């Protein structure tokens, strides 16, 4: 089955499904499989240690697929920020035509991308942030409802409401993100005015995802109640798989008398989360997971 929506026509894809740009998951094997199946595969720039490593990954993708694909650049607060402009330069030099941006203040990378006529999908968790992104000239908005994995924002607005508001308020096409995993979800998103969906956690369970089988099995077994909202105290709320580490971080967050963030970084470290994918110990670190 093929679809014709603003998203499919603009990106040259046959299915209105965008793969999530998940760090440590969105490598060439997964992106190529999604694109070859008709959706839009995404490479995660920040899964690569340097811009030059991203160049190598882009070329690896092209050895596996000639279909359209994109690169995700997520900009989040950090003591030592990645070389965002370096990654952007490589994307332009390699002729990538689609970029997904997310996080805080993407303006520094959107400007050079727009000058090169790159199609930009920007992820946001509120209508207010979506309107700010509109001023930067993005082409599509990816609207993340409260159900999404990872950084959910601080508004707690579910997709049923948020997508309806997006349809009423925004003047450009948008896709729906957060909690979508099958054709029923796609049909619901289209009915609410979206031009397609973004799926992340669901793709983690595929054969092509570079994730230990123990993790895939845990996701498949999980119930809708098996997530935890962590770091809300510091207004950096993340939806994580409710394993032992996430629950311990949540306990410290709730019981801490100082409210000092330094009490939890060792538990929510991205490095530990990456090791979970490699060693298969689902309680070794935290990992994003949709509701």
Foldseek 3Di string as FASTA:
>chain_A
DFDDFPQCVVQVFGAQEEEDQDALWQFLLLQLVQQVVGYAREHELVNAPALVSVLVRVVVNVVRHPGAYEYEDEFEDDPDGGPVVSNLVSCVVSPRQEYEYEYPDPLVSLVVNVVSNRAYEYEDAAVVVVVVVVVSPHQEYEHEACQAFFFNADPNHGPVPRLLVCQVPPDHAYEYEHPDADDVSQVVRVVSPHRHYYDYQNSCLDPRTLFDNLVNVCQVPDDQPQWDFAPVLVRRTGIWGNAPLRVVRRVCCVPPPVNDPVVRCVAAPPVQVSVCRVPVPCRRHIDIDGD
